[in-house]
Every structure is written in structure tokens, then in C-alpha cells.
């Protein structure tokens, strides 16, 4: 649908058609989610929520959540650039 195949001197070439509205909107929404992930990864937790969560979830899991959010943000950044 969004791709075209051509050949020059018998060598097949792959070219990409310009993005349509759906691809652009998906790219924008992915970029917004990426920004939210990165902001949540670099900001500290709220004090009241941290005191509540400390009773049930150990520090290693909470820190891992921040790392996961940062890594997910960078993966989405790469995905957004390639959409």
C-alpha cells in the first residue's frame, strides 16, 4: 500500500511513498507517549505516594520501573523517527 518497487538495470529498488494522515497521527501520538515516559522517568515520586508504596513494593522494583520508563521512552523515540 505505501511502498513501491522499481528496478534499474534489473536491480530492484525499494522506495517509500509519502506518509498519509494515519501514519502522521500515529507518529505524533507515539511522540507524546514517549515524552510522558521520559518525564515520568526523570521526575521524583510524590512524597505521599512514595510513603504508601514503600509499604508494599521494595526499592529495587520502584527503581526498575523508572529505568523501564526511560528505556521505553528511548525505544519509542527510535520508533517515532522511523514511522
PDB file of N, CA and C in Angstrom:
ATOM      1  N   UNK A   1       0.815  -1.176   0.000  1.00  0.00           N
ATOM      2  CA  UNK A   1       0.000   0.000   0.000  1.00  0.00           C
ATOM      3  C   UNK A   1       0.867   1.253   0.000  1.00  0.00           C
ATOM      4  N   UNK A   2       1.794   1.383   0.919  1.00  0.00           N
ATOM      5  CA  UNK A   2       2.626   2.567   0.993  1.00  0.00           C
ATOM      6  C   UNK A   2       3.994   2.373   0.392  1.00  0.00           C
ATOM      7  N   UNK A   3       4.207   1.294  -0.326  1.00  0.00           N
ATOM      8  CA  UNK A   3       5.523   1.037  -0.893  1.00  0.00           C
ATOM      9  C   UNK A   3       5.418   0.863  -2.391  1.00  0.00           C
ATOM     10  N   UNK A   4       6.506   1.108  -3.051  1.00  0.00           N
ATOM     11  CA  UNK A   4       6.563   0.903  -4.495  1.00  0.00           C
ATOM     12  C   UNK A   4       7.887   0.242  -4.820  1.00  0.00           C
ATOM     13  N   UNK A   5       7.845  -0.685  -5.764  1.00  0.00           N
ATOM     14  CA  UNK A   5       9.055  -1.372  -6.184  1.00  0.00           C
ATOM     15  C   UNK A   5       9.393  -0.934  -7.608  1.00  0.00           C
ATOM     16  N   UNK A   6      10.639  -0.585  -7.816  1.00  0.00           N
ATOM     17  CA  UNK A   6      11.120  -0.235  -9.144  1.00  0.00           C
ATOM     18  C   UNK A   6      12.408  -0.998  -9.369  1.00  0.00           C
ATOM     19  N   UNK A   7      12.796  -1.054 -10.611  1.00  0.00           N
ATOM     20  CA  UNK A   7      14.078  -1.681 -10.884  1.00  0.00           C
ATOM     21  C   UNK A   7      14.831  -0.846 -11.906  1.00  0.00           C
ATOM     22  N   UNK A   8      16.113  -0.748 -11.687  1.00  0.00           N
ATOM     23  CA  UNK A   8      17.014  -0.063 -12.604  1.00  0.00           C
ATOM     24  C   UNK A   8      18.057  -1.074 -13.016  1.00  0.00           C
ATOM     25  N   UNK A   9      18.147  -1.315 -14.316  1.00  0.00           N
ATOM     26  CA  UNK A   9      19.107  -2.276 -14.873  1.00  0.00           C
ATOM     27  C   UNK A   9      18.944  -3.644 -14.220  1.00  0.00           C
ATOM     28  N   UNK A  10      17.698  -4.021 -13.945  1.00  0.00           N
ATOM     29  CA  UNK A  10      17.441  -5.333 -13.376  1.00  0.00           C
ATOM     30  C   UNK A  10      17.647  -5.428 -11.877  1.00  0.00           C
ATOM     31  N   UNK A  11      18.084  -4.329 -11.212  1.00  0.00           N
ATOM     32  CA  UNK A  11      18.299  -4.318  -9.765  1.00  0.00           C
ATOM     33  C   UNK A  11      17.052  -3.730  -9.117  1.00  0.00           C
ATOM     34  N   UNK A  12      16.359  -4.499  -8.288  1.00  0.00           N
ATOM     35  CA  UNK A  12      15.145  -3.959  -7.669  1.00  0.00           C
ATOM     36  C   UNK A  12      15.480  -2.886  -6.642  1.00  0.00           C
ATOM     37  N   UNK A  13      14.743  -1.791  -6.693  1.00  0.00           N
ATOM     38  CA  UNK A  13      14.909  -0.697  -5.731  1.00  0.00           C
ATOM     39  C   UNK A  13      13.623  -0.568  -4.925  1.00  0.00           C
ATOM     40  N   UNK A  14      13.761  -0.200  -3.709  1.00  0.00           N
ATOM     41  CA  UNK A  14      12.625  -0.047  -2.809  1.00  0.00           C
ATOM     42  C   UNK A  14      12.484   1.432  -2.517  1.00  0.00           C
ATOM     43  N   UNK A  15      11.321   1.972  -2.731  1.00  0.00           N
ATOM     44  CA  UNK A  15      11.091   3.371  -2.395  1.00  0.00           C
ATOM     45  C   UNK A  15       9.829   3.479  -1.563  1.00  0.00           C
ATOM     46  N   UNK A  16       9.786   4.470  -0.742  1.00  0.00           N
ATOM     47  CA  UNK A  16       8.678   4.651   0.178  1.00  0.00           C
ATOM     48  C   UNK A  16       7.842   5.841  -0.267  1.00  0.00           C
ATOM     49  N   UNK A  17       6.541   5.679  -0.253  1.00  0.00           N
ATOM     50  CA  UNK A  17       5.660   6.773  -0.628  1.00  0.00           C
ATOM     51  C   UNK A  17       5.543   7.750   0.544  1.00  0.00           C
ATOM     52  N   UNK A  18       5.094   8.982   0.275  1.00  0.00           N
ATOM     53  CA  UNK A  18       4.955   9.948   1.369  1.00  0.00           C
ATOM     54  C   UNK A  18       3.946   9.471   2.408  1.00  0.00           C
ATOM     55  N   UNK A  19       4.122   9.854   3.678  1.00  0.00           N
ATOM     56  CA  UNK A  19       3.212   9.385   4.732  1.00  0.00           C
ATOM     57  C   UNK A  19       1.806   9.937   4.543  1.00  0.00           C
ATOM     58  N   UNK A  20       0.825   9.134   4.908  1.00  0.00           N
ATOM     59  CA  UNK A  20      -0.551   9.615   4.864  1.00  0.00           C
ATOM     60  C   UNK A  20      -0.944  10.158   6.235  1.00  0.00           C
ATOM     61  N   UNK A  21      -2.195  10.580   6.372  1.00  0.00           N
ATOM     62  CA  UNK A  21      -2.651  11.199   7.627  1.00  0.00           C
ATOM     63  C   UNK A  21      -2.573  10.230   8.806  1.00  0.00           C
ATOM     64  N   UNK A  22      -2.894   8.945   8.580  1.00  0.00           N
ATOM     65  CA  UNK A  22      -2.852   7.974   9.672  1.00  0.00           C
ATOM     66  C   UNK A  22      -1.434   7.768  10.182  1.00  0.00           C
ATOM     67  N   UNK A  23      -0.475   7.680   9.273  1.00  0.00           N
ATOM     68  CA  UNK A  23       0.913   7.499   9.701  1.00  0.00           C
ATOM     69  C   UNK A  23       1.398   8.710  10.485  1.00  0.00           C
ATOM     70  N   UNK A  24       1.011   9.899  10.046  1.00  0.00           N
ATOM     71  CA  UNK A  24       1.432  11.111  10.747  1.00  0.00           C
ATOM     72  C   UNK A  24       0.818  11.182  12.142  1.00  0.00           C
ATOM     73  N   UNK A  25      -0.473  10.858  12.259  1.00  0.00           N
ATOM     74  CA  UNK A  25      -1.116  10.921  13.571  1.00  0.00           C
ATOM     75  C   UNK A  25      -0.558   9.856  14.514  1.00  0.00           C
ATOM     76  N   UNK A  26      -0.249   8.671  13.994  1.00  0.00           N
ATOM     77  CA  UNK A  26       0.359   7.638  14.835  1.00  0.00           C
ATOM     78  C   UNK A  26       1.724   8.089  15.313  1.00  0.00           C
ATOM     79  N   UNK A  27       2.475   8.726  14.442  1.00  0.00           N
ATOM     80  CA  UNK A  27       3.798   9.213  14.807  1.00  0.00           C
ATOM     81  C   UNK A  27       3.707  10.287  15.894  1.00  0.00           C
ATOM     82  N   UNK A  28       2.751  11.181  15.767  1.00  0.00           N
ATOM     83  CA  UNK A  28       2.575  12.244  16.764  1.00  0.00           C
ATOM     84  C   UNK A  28       2.141  11.656  18.104  1.00  0.00           C
ATOM     85  N   UNK A  29       1.197  10.719  18.093  1.00  0.00           N
ATOM     86  CA  UNK A  29       0.748  10.105  19.341  1.00  0.00           C
ATOM     87  C   UNK A  29       1.871   9.313  20.014  1.00  0.00           C
ATOM     88  N   UNK A  30       2.691   8.637  19.225  1.00  0.00           N
ATOM     89  CA  UNK A  30       3.824   7.905  19.780  1.00  0.00           C
ATOM     90  C   UNK A  30       4.816   8.874  20.413  1.00  0.00           C
ATOM     91  N   UNK A  31       5.035  10.014  19.783  1.00  0.00           N
ATOM     92  CA  UNK A  31       5.938  11.017  20.340  1.00  0.00           C
ATOM     93  C   UNK A  31       5.408  11.569  21.661  1.00  0.00           C
ATOM     94  N   UNK A  32       4.098  11.753  21.764  1.00  0.00           N
ATOM     95  CA  UNK A  32       3.507  12.253  23.015  1.00  0.00           C
ATOM     96  C   UNK A  32       3.699  11.230  24.134  1.00  0.00           C
ATOM     97  N   UNK A  33       3.441   9.957  23.849  1.00  0.00           N
ATOM     98  CA  UNK A  33       3.635   8.913  24.860  1.00  0.00           C
ATOM     99  C   UNK A  33       5.097   8.844  25.278  1.00  0.00           C
ATOM    100  N   UNK A  34       5.987   9.001  24.322  1.00  0.00           N
ATOM    101  CA  UNK A  34       7.420   8.986  24.625  1.00  0.00           C
ATOM    102  C   UNK A  34       7.793  10.116  25.572  1.00  0.00           C
ATOM    103  N   UNK A  35       7.266  11.289  25.344  1.00  0.00           N
ATOM    104  CA  UNK A  35       7.570  12.424  26.219  1.00  0.00           C
ATOM    105  C   UNK A  35       7.047  12.157  27.630  1.00  0.00           C
ATOM    106  N   UNK A  36       5.859  11.588  27.745  1.00  0.00           N
ATOM    107  CA  UNK A  36       5.301  11.265  29.066  1.00  0.00           C
ATOM    108  C   UNK A  36       6.181  10.249  29.784  1.00  0.00           C
ATOM    109  N   UNK A  37       6.634   9.206  29.068  1.00  0.00           N
ATOM    110  CA  UNK A  37       7.525   8.210  29.674  1.00  0.00           C
ATOM    111  C   UNK A  37       8.822   8.841  30.157  1.00  0.00           C
ATOM    112  N   UNK A  38       9.417   9.673  29.330  1.00  0.00           N
ATOM    113  CA  UNK A  38      10.697  10.284  29.725  1.00  0.00           C
ATOM    114  C   UNK A  38      10.526  11.236  30.901  1.00  0.00           C
ATOM    115  N   UNK A  39       9.450  11.992  30.922  1.00  0.00           N
ATOM    116  CA  UNK A  39       9.202  12.895  32.052  1.00  0.00           C
ATOM    117  C   UNK A  39       8.962  12.099  33.327  1.00  0.00           C
ATOM    118  N   UNK A  40       8.208  11.002  33.232  1.00  0.00           N
ATOM    119  CA  UNK A  40       7.951  10.197  34.433  1.00  0.00           C
ATOM    120  C   UNK A  40       9.222   9.504  34.910  1.00  0.00           C
ATOM    121  N   UNK A  41      10.150   9.250  34.012  1.00  0.00           N
ATOM    122  CA  UNK A  41      11.394   8.591  34.413  1.00  0.00           C
ATOM    123  C   UNK A  41      12.354   9.549  35.113  1.00  0.00           C
ATOM    124  N   UNK A  42      12.309  10.835  34.763  1.00  0.00           N
ATOM    125  CA  UNK A  42      13.291  11.748  35.336  1.00  0.00           C
ATOM    126  C   UNK A  42      12.761  12.543  36.524  1.00  0.00           C
ATOM    127  N   UNK A  43      11.461  12.523  36.762  1.00  0.00           N
ATOM    128  CA  UNK A  43      10.914  13.256  37.902  1.00  0.00           C
ATOM    129  C   UNK A  43      10.809  12.345  39.124  1.00  0.00           C
ATOM    130  N   UNK A  44      11.013  12.899  40.308  1.00  0.00           N
ATOM    131  CA  UNK A  44      10.883  12.067  41.521  1.00  0.00           C
ATOM    132  C   UNK A  44       9.416  11.779  41.838  1.00  0.00           C
ATOM    133  N   UNK A  45       9.205  10.748  42.627  1.00  0.00           N
ATOM    134  CA  UNK A  45       7.844  10.397  43.052  1.00  0.00           C
ATOM    135  C   UNK A  45       7.317  11.428  44.026  1.00  0.00           C
ATOM    136  N   UNK A  46       6.000  11.523  44.127  1.00  0.00           N
ATOM    137  CA  UNK A  46       5.393  12.382  45.132  1.00  0.00           C
ATOM    138  C   UNK A  46       5.579  11.753  46.505  1.00  0.00           C
ATOM    139  N   UNK A  47       5.816  12.564  47.520  1.00  0.00           N
ATOM    140  CA  UNK A  47       6.163  12.064  48.849  1.00  0.00           C
ATOM    141  C   UNK A  47       5.060  11.193  49.444  1.00  0.00           C
ATOM    142  N   UNK A  48       3.817  11.631  49.385  1.00  0.00           N
ATOM    143  CA  UNK A  48       2.721  10.847  49.958  1.00  0.00           C
ATOM    144  C   UNK A  48       2.554   9.502  49.266  1.00  0.00           C
ATOM    145  N   UNK A  49       2.696   9.510  47.961  1.00  0.00           N
ATOM    146  CA  UNK A  49       2.567   8.262  47.211  1.00  0.00           C
ATOM    147  C   UNK A  49       3.749   7.346  47.495  1.00  0.00           C
ATOM    148  N   UNK A  50       4.942   7.919  47.652  1.00  0.00           N
ATOM    149  CA  UNK A  50       6.128   7.113  47.940  1.00  0.00           C
ATOM    150  C   UNK A  50       5.999   6.417  49.291  1.00  0.00           C
ATOM    151  N   UNK A  51       5.498   7.134  50.295  1.00  0.00           N
ATOM    152  CA  UNK A  51       5.323   6.521  51.614  1.00  0.00           C
ATOM    153  C   UNK A  51       4.325   5.371  51.566  1.00  0.00           C
ATOM    154  N   UNK A  52       3.279   5.512  50.780  1.00  0.00           N
ATOM    155  CA  UNK A  52       2.290   4.455  50.646  1.00  0.00           C
ATOM    156  C   UNK A  52       2.862   3.245  49.902  1.00  0.00           C
ATOM    157  N   UNK A  53       3.590   3.498  48.828  1.00  0.00           N
ATOM    158  CA  UNK A  53       4.140   2.421  48.011  1.00  0.00           C
ATOM    159  C   UNK A  53       5.266   1.683  48.725  1.00  0.00           C
ATOM    160  N   UNK A  54       6.031   2.384  49.584  1.00  0.00           N
ATOM    161  CA  UNK A  54       7.147   1.755  50.305  1.00  0.00           C
ATOM    162  C   UNK A  54       6.687   0.577  51.161  1.00  0.00           C
ATOM    163  N   UNK A  55       5.443   0.591  51.596  1.00  0.00           N
ATOM    164  CA  UNK A  55       4.932  -0.486  52.438  1.00  0.00           C
ATOM    165  C   UNK A  55       4.754  -1.784  51.663  1.00  0.00           C
ATOM    166  N   UNK A  56       4.549  -1.700  50.353  1.00  0.00           N
ATOM    167  CA  UNK A  56       4.219  -2.879  49.560  1.00  0.00           C
ATOM    168  C   UNK A  56       5.280  -3.266  48.530  1.00  0.00           C
ATOM    169  N   UNK A  57       5.991  -2.279  47.986  1.00  0.00           N
ATOM    170  CA  UNK A  57       6.924  -2.545  46.888  1.00  0.00           C
ATOM    171  C   UNK A  57       8.332  -2.140  47.309  1.00  0.00           C
ATOM    172  N   UNK A  58       9.302  -3.045  47.187  1.00  0.00           N
ATOM    173  CA  UNK A  58      10.676  -2.705  47.567  1.00  0.00           C
ATOM    174  C   UNK A  58      11.297  -1.685  46.608  1.00  0.00           C
ATOM    175  N   UNK A  59      12.374  -1.077  47.084  1.00  0.00           N
ATOM    176  CA  UNK A  59      13.039  -0.015  46.325  1.00  0.00           C
ATOM    177  C   UNK A  59      13.530  -0.496  44.968  1.00  0.00           C
ATOM    178  N   UNK A  60      14.062  -1.713  44.904  1.00  0.00           N
ATOM    179  CA  UNK A  60      14.611  -2.210  43.641  1.00  0.00           C
ATOM    180  C   UNK A  60      13.561  -2.239  42.534  1.00  0.00           C
ATOM    181  N   UNK A  61      12.356  -2.614  42.864  1.00  0.00           N
ATOM    182  CA  UNK A  61      11.291  -2.671  41.860  1.00  0.00           C
ATOM    183  C   UNK A  61      10.882  -1.267  41.448  1.00  0.00           C
ATOM    184  N   UNK A  62      10.810  -0.356  42.393  1.00  0.00           N
ATOM    185  CA  UNK A  62      10.454   1.024  42.058  1.00  0.00           C
ATOM    186  C   UNK A  62      11.520   1.671  41.191  1.00  0.00           C
ATOM    187  N   UNK A  63      12.777   1.443  41.499  1.00  0.00           N
ATOM    188  CA  UNK A  63      13.863   1.990  40.681  1.00  0.00           C
ATOM    189  C   UNK A  63      13.868   1.348  39.296  1.00  0.00           C
ATOM    190  N   UNK A  64      13.568   0.063  39.247  1.00  0.00           N
ATOM    191  CA  UNK A  64      13.479  -0.623  37.962  1.00  0.00           C
ATOM    192  C   UNK A  64      12.363  -0.061  37.100  1.00  0.00           C
ATOM    193  N   UNK A  65      11.294   0.370  37.725  1.00  0.00           N
ATOM    194  CA  UNK A  65      10.195   0.989  36.979  1.00  0.00           C
ATOM    195  C   UNK A  65      10.632   2.279  36.308  1.00  0.00           C
ATOM    196  N   UNK A  66      11.439   3.071  37.015  1.00  0.00           N
ATOM    197  CA  UNK A  66      11.966   4.304  36.418  1.00  0.00           C
ATOM    198  C   UNK A  66      12.885   3.982  35.242  1.00  0.00           C
ATOM    199  N   UNK A  67      13.730   2.989  35.412  1.00  0.00           N
ATOM    200  CA  UNK A  67      14.634   2.588  34.318  1.00  0.00           C
ATOM    201  C   UNK A  67      13.834   2.067  33.126  1.00  0.00           C
ATOM    202  N   UNK A  68      12.808   1.270  33.395  1.00  0.00           N
ATOM    203  CA  UNK A  68      11.973   0.756  32.323  1.00  0.00           C
ATOM    204  C   UNK A  68      11.273   1.882  31.568  1.00  0.00           C
ATOM    205  N   UNK A  69      10.790   2.887  32.296  1.00  0.00           N
ATOM    206  CA  UNK A  69      10.130   4.025  31.645  1.00  0.00           C
ATOM    207  C   UNK A  69      11.113   4.788  30.765  1.00  0.00           C
ATOM    208  N   UNK A  70      12.347   4.956  31.234  1.00  0.00           N
ATOM    209  CA  UNK A  70      13.352   5.661  30.432  1.00  0.00           C
ATOM    210  C   UNK A  70      13.707   4.866  29.179  1.00  0.00           C
ATOM    211  N   UNK A  71      13.907   3.578  29.329  1.00  0.00           N
ATOM    212  CA  UNK A  71      14.254   2.739  28.170  1.00  0.00           C
ATOM    213  C   UNK A  71      13.093   2.696  27.181  1.00  0.00           C
ATOM    214  N   UNK A  72      11.874   2.576  27.683  1.00  0.00           N
ATOM    215  CA  UNK A  72      10.698   2.570  26.804  1.00  0.00           C
ATOM    216  C   UNK A  72      10.578   3.894  26.045  1.00  0.00           C
ATOM    217  N   UNK A  73      10.889   4.990  26.721  1.00  0.00           N
ATOM    218  CA  UNK A  73      10.848   6.299  26.060  1.00  0.00           C
ATOM    219  C   UNK A  73      11.841   6.393  24.926  1.00  0.00           C
ATOM    220  N   UNK A  74      13.051   5.884  25.141  1.00  0.00           N
ATOM    221  CA  UNK A  74      14.053   5.934  24.076  1.00  0.00           C
ATOM    222  C   UNK A  74      13.704   4.991  22.924  1.00  0.00           C
ATOM    223  N   UNK A  75      13.107   3.849  23.237  1.00  0.00           N
ATOM    224  CA  UNK A  75      12.665   2.940  22.173  1.00  0.00           C
ATOM    225  C   UNK A  75      11.553   3.600  21.358  1.00  0.00           C
ATOM    226  N   UNK A  76      10.628   4.264  22.031  1.00  0.00           N
ATOM    227  CA  UNK A  76       9.570   4.963  21.310  1.00  0.00           C
ATOM    228  C   UNK A  76      10.128   6.124  20.493  1.00  0.00           C
ATOM    229  N   UNK A  77      11.162   6.764  20.986  1.00  0.00           N
ATOM    230  CA  UNK A  77      11.816   7.829  20.221  1.00  0.00           C
ATOM    231  C   UNK A  77      12.363   7.274  18.915  1.00  0.00           C
ATOM    232  N   UNK A  78      13.000   6.125  18.978  1.00  0.00           N
ATOM    233  CA  UNK A  78      13.524   5.480  17.767  1.00  0.00           C
ATOM    234  C   UNK A  78      12.377   5.078  16.848  1.00  0.00           C
ATOM    235  N   UNK A  79      11.313   4.535  17.428  1.00  0.00           N
ATOM    236  CA  UNK A  79      10.166   4.131  16.631  1.00  0.00           C
ATOM    237  C   UNK A  79       9.521   5.325  15.946  1.00  0.00           C
ATOM    238  N   UNK A  80       9.387   6.440  16.661  1.00  0.00           N
ATOM    239  CA  UNK A  80       8.785   7.631  16.087  1.00  0.00           C
ATOM    240  C   UNK A  80       9.600   8.150  14.918  1.00  0.00           C
ATOM    241  N   UNK A  81      10.897   8.093  15.027  1.00  0.00           N
ATOM    242  CA  UNK A  81      11.752   8.578  13.938  1.00  0.00           C
ATOM    243  C   UNK A  81      11.626   7.713  12.697  1.00  0.00           C
ATOM    244  N   UNK A  82      11.276   6.438  12.861  1.00  0.00           N
ATOM    245  CA  UNK A  82      11.184   5.534  11.726  1.00  0.00           C
ATOM    246  C   UNK A  82       9.758   5.348  11.207  1.00  0.00           C
ATOM    247  N   UNK A  83       8.771   5.980  11.804  1.00  0.00           N
ATOM    248  CA  UNK A  83       7.390   5.833  11.302  1.00  0.00           C
ATOM    249  C   UNK A  83       7.180   6.684  10.069  1.00  0.00           C
TER     250      UNK A  83
END
